[in-house]
Protein backbone atom coordinates (compact mmCIF):
# COMPACT_ATOMS: atom_id res chain seq x y z
CA MET A 1 102.75 87.65 108.77
CA GLN A 2 103.33 90.78 106.65
CA ARG A 3 100.04 92.30 107.94
CA ALA A 4 101.06 91.62 111.56
CA LYS A 5 104.34 93.42 111.01
CA THR A 6 102.59 96.40 109.52
CA CYS A 7 100.12 96.52 112.50
CA LEU A 8 103.08 96.40 114.87
CA LYS A 9 104.89 99.27 113.02
CA LEU A 10 101.57 101.26 112.93
CA PHE A 11 101.20 100.73 116.70
CA LEU A 12 104.70 101.96 117.58
CA VAL A 13 104.45 104.97 115.34
CA MET A 14 101.17 106.04 116.65
CA LEU A 15 102.19 105.35 120.19
CA LYS A 16 105.16 107.74 119.64
CA ILE A 17 102.90 110.32 118.11
CA GLY A 18 100.37 110.04 120.96
CA LEU A 19 103.22 110.09 123.53
CA PHE A 20 105.22 113.14 122.33
CA THR A 21 102.54 115.58 121.23
CA PHE A 22 100.69 117.87 123.58
CA GLY A 23 97.76 120.14 122.77
CA GLY A 24 95.31 117.80 121.12
CA GLY A 25 94.74 116.81 117.49
CA TYR A 26 95.77 119.99 115.81
CA ALA A 27 99.17 120.01 117.57
CA MET A 28 99.56 116.54 116.26
CA ILE A 29 99.20 117.39 112.63
CA SER A 30 102.84 118.47 112.28
CA LEU A 31 104.14 115.25 113.77
CA LEU A 32 101.64 113.13 111.80
CA GLU A 33 102.89 114.92 108.60
CA ASN A 34 106.52 114.18 109.51
CA GLU A 35 105.95 110.55 110.35
CA LEU A 36 103.41 109.59 107.68
CA ILE A 37 104.85 111.56 104.64
CA THR A 38 108.47 112.44 105.17
CA LYS A 39 109.74 109.31 107.06
CA ARG A 40 107.41 106.54 106.16
CA GLY A 41 105.87 107.63 102.86
CA TRP A 42 102.56 105.97 103.79
CA VAL A 43 100.52 108.86 102.30
CA GLU A 44 101.08 111.49 99.70
CA ASN A 45 100.77 115.23 100.26
CA ASP A 46 97.37 115.57 98.66
CA GLU A 47 96.00 112.62 100.38
CA PHE A 48 97.33 113.92 103.75
CA LEU A 49 95.54 117.29 103.14
CA ASN A 50 92.32 115.37 102.38
CA MET A 51 92.78 113.09 105.32
CA VAL A 52 93.14 116.05 107.72
CA ALA A 53 90.02 117.79 106.22
CA ILE A 54 87.93 114.68 106.68
CA ALA A 55 89.33 113.98 110.19
CA GLU A 56 88.44 117.51 111.13
CA SER A 57 85.00 117.27 109.69
CA THR A 58 84.11 113.88 111.33
CA PRO A 59 83.34 113.37 115.11
CA GLY A 60 86.39 112.81 117.37
CA PRO A 61 89.86 114.12 117.66
CA VAL A 62 91.88 114.75 114.44
CA ALA A 63 94.63 112.48 115.40
CA ILE A 64 92.50 109.47 116.26
CA ASN A 65 90.50 109.85 113.03
CA ALA A 66 93.69 110.17 111.10
CA ALA A 67 95.27 107.21 112.82
CA THR A 68 92.21 105.15 112.04
CA TYR A 69 92.33 106.22 108.43
CA VAL A 70 96.08 105.32 107.90
CA GLY A 71 95.76 102.09 109.79
CA TYR A 72 92.91 100.97 107.59
CA LYS A 73 94.58 101.98 104.43
CA LEU A 74 97.78 100.06 105.27
CA ALA A 75 96.35 96.98 107.08
CA GLY A 76 92.63 96.89 107.01
CA PHE A 77 90.53 96.49 110.21
CA TRP A 78 93.32 95.34 112.38
CA GLY A 79 95.65 98.12 111.24
CA ALA A 80 92.98 100.71 112.11
CA LEU A 81 92.49 99.15 115.44
CA ALA A 82 96.15 99.02 116.27
CA ALA A 83 96.77 102.64 115.26
CA THR A 84 93.70 104.00 116.99
CA VAL A 85 94.41 102.24 120.29
CA ALA A 86 98.12 103.23 120.14
CA VAL A 87 97.42 106.90 119.66
CA CYS A 88 94.95 106.86 122.62
CA ILE A 89 97.08 104.92 125.17
CA PRO A 90 99.50 107.65 126.23
CA SER A 91 96.73 110.28 126.81
CA PHE A 92 94.62 107.80 128.81
CA VAL A 93 97.54 106.76 130.93
CA ILE A 94 98.78 110.24 131.62
CA ILE A 95 95.27 111.57 132.48
CA PHE A 96 94.58 108.56 134.65
CA LEU A 97 97.85 108.99 136.59
CA ILE A 98 97.17 112.72 136.99
CA SER A 99 93.60 112.11 138.23
CA LEU A 100 95.00 109.95 141.16
CA PHE A 101 96.64 113.01 142.71
CA PHE A 102 95.14 115.88 140.68
CA ASP A 103 95.10 118.58 143.47
CA ALA A 104 98.65 117.95 144.61
CA PHE A 105 99.77 117.81 141.09
CA LEU A 106 98.39 121.24 140.12
CA SER A 107 99.86 122.80 143.27
CA LEU A 108 103.41 122.00 142.27
CA LYS A 109 105.25 125.11 141.00
CA TYR A 110 107.30 123.27 138.43
CA VAL A 111 104.29 121.69 136.93
CA ALA A 112 102.67 125.12 136.47
CA TYR A 113 105.87 126.21 134.72
CA ALA A 114 105.83 123.09 132.53
CA PHE A 115 102.28 123.70 131.51
CA ASP A 116 103.15 127.30 130.49
CA GLY A 117 105.92 126.08 128.45
CA ILE A 118 103.73 123.39 126.89
CA GLN A 119 101.20 126.10 125.83
CA VAL A 120 103.86 127.97 123.88
CA CYS A 121 104.94 124.64 122.15
CA VAL A 122 101.28 123.88 121.33
CA ILE A 123 100.82 127.25 119.58
CA PHE A 124 103.93 126.76 117.59
CA LEU A 125 102.98 123.16 116.51
CA ILE A 126 99.48 124.25 115.37
CA LEU A 127 100.97 127.32 113.56
CA ASN A 128 103.69 125.25 111.96
CA ALA A 129 101.15 122.61 110.75
CA GLY A 130 98.81 125.27 109.39
CA VAL A 131 101.63 127.14 107.51
CA LYS A 132 102.93 123.90 105.95
CA MET A 133 99.47 122.96 104.78
CA LEU A 134 98.77 126.40 103.47
CA PHE A 135 101.96 126.16 101.24
CA LYS A 136 100.98 122.71 99.94
CA LEU A 137 97.44 123.85 99.08
CA GLU A 138 96.72 123.82 95.37
CA ARG A 139 96.47 127.42 94.18
CA THR A 140 93.06 127.38 92.44
CA VAL A 141 90.66 130.34 92.44
CA TRP A 142 88.14 128.25 94.56
CA ASN A 143 90.78 127.29 97.24
CA VAL A 144 92.10 130.83 97.61
CA LEU A 145 88.54 132.28 97.67
CA VAL A 146 87.45 129.91 100.42
CA LEU A 147 90.54 130.45 102.43
CA VAL A 148 90.31 134.24 102.31
CA ALA A 149 86.54 134.16 103.12
CA VAL A 150 87.09 131.87 106.03
CA ILE A 151 90.00 133.91 107.48
CA ALA A 152 88.00 137.19 106.93
CA CYS A 153 84.91 135.67 108.76
CA MET A 154 87.05 134.37 111.64
CA VAL A 155 88.88 137.71 112.15
CA THR A 156 85.72 139.80 111.86
CA LEU A 157 83.89 137.62 114.32
CA SER A 158 86.84 137.58 116.73
CA VAL A 159 87.19 141.46 116.56
CA LEU A 160 83.40 141.92 117.08
CA SER A 161 83.38 139.33 119.88
CA ILE A 162 80.76 137.25 118.22
CA THR A 163 80.63 133.59 119.21
CA PHE A 164 80.39 131.40 116.03
CA SER A 165 81.11 127.64 116.36
CA SER A 166 83.85 126.31 114.08
CA VAL A 167 81.28 123.62 113.20
CA TRP A 168 79.45 126.14 111.13
CA TYR A 169 82.60 126.97 109.19
CA ILE A 170 82.91 123.23 108.37
CA LEU A 171 79.22 122.94 107.36
CA ILE A 172 79.22 126.03 105.30
CA THR A 173 82.46 125.20 103.31
CA ALA A 174 81.28 121.58 102.94
CA GLY A 175 77.99 122.99 101.42
CA LEU A 176 79.87 125.28 99.08
CA ALA A 177 82.14 122.43 98.06
CA LEU A 178 79.08 120.33 97.27
CA VAL A 179 77.53 123.13 95.18
CA LEU A 180 80.82 123.53 93.23
CA TYR A 181 81.16 119.78 92.63
CA LEU A 182 77.53 119.56 91.34
CA PHE A 183 78.09 122.59 89.19
CA THR A 184 81.25 121.20 87.53
CA TYR A 185 79.69 117.70 87.28
CA PHE A 186 76.58 118.87 85.53
CA ARG A 187 78.66 121.26 83.33
CA ALA A 188 80.95 118.49 82.22
CA LYS A 189 78.00 116.23 81.60
CA GLY A 190 76.35 118.87 79.41
CA LYS A 191 79.53 119.30 77.38
CA GLY A 192 79.75 115.50 76.93
CA LYS A 193 76.20 115.52 75.45
CA GLU A 194 77.17 118.41 73.12
CA VAL A 195 80.10 116.47 71.84
CA LYS A 196 78.00 113.44 71.14
CA LYS A 197 75.50 115.37 69.10
């Protein structure tokens, strides 16, 4: 009974997130943070940052991956299913309705104005989520170094008009993180052996 209530709550929360956010997964991060951390307390700040990083690194939209993660954490398989379906329903319904009269829809002047306004909101939502996550990031030498290096690469490639897929940023930083993990792991293991001697 408790699990069914949790699934229903997850469904309603994710349905609201899916319904009231435009601009895709990155624009949803701000609302996800507000709902999952501030209002519900379902995840902690550090866990949320890790969840977003994993959701960005795995195939599929960020919001759907995040919904699946939170749903599974709170209510297992059925929670993951409820959260994932709920966050997908609004987009599916809206796109389906638009597809029925696509040409007529796009020719409406007020629809064009609405899309212009939505674009501004999406930029704000993404920027807001990025700034919040930046301030919550743990200030270690490694984190700052990776952040500065990625920003410098992105700006340089943008200025030079070089196309470089964001997938490579993810793969490169994941590789560097793995190297750092292995380095610290073997270093700690080596110190443990020295202490035993």
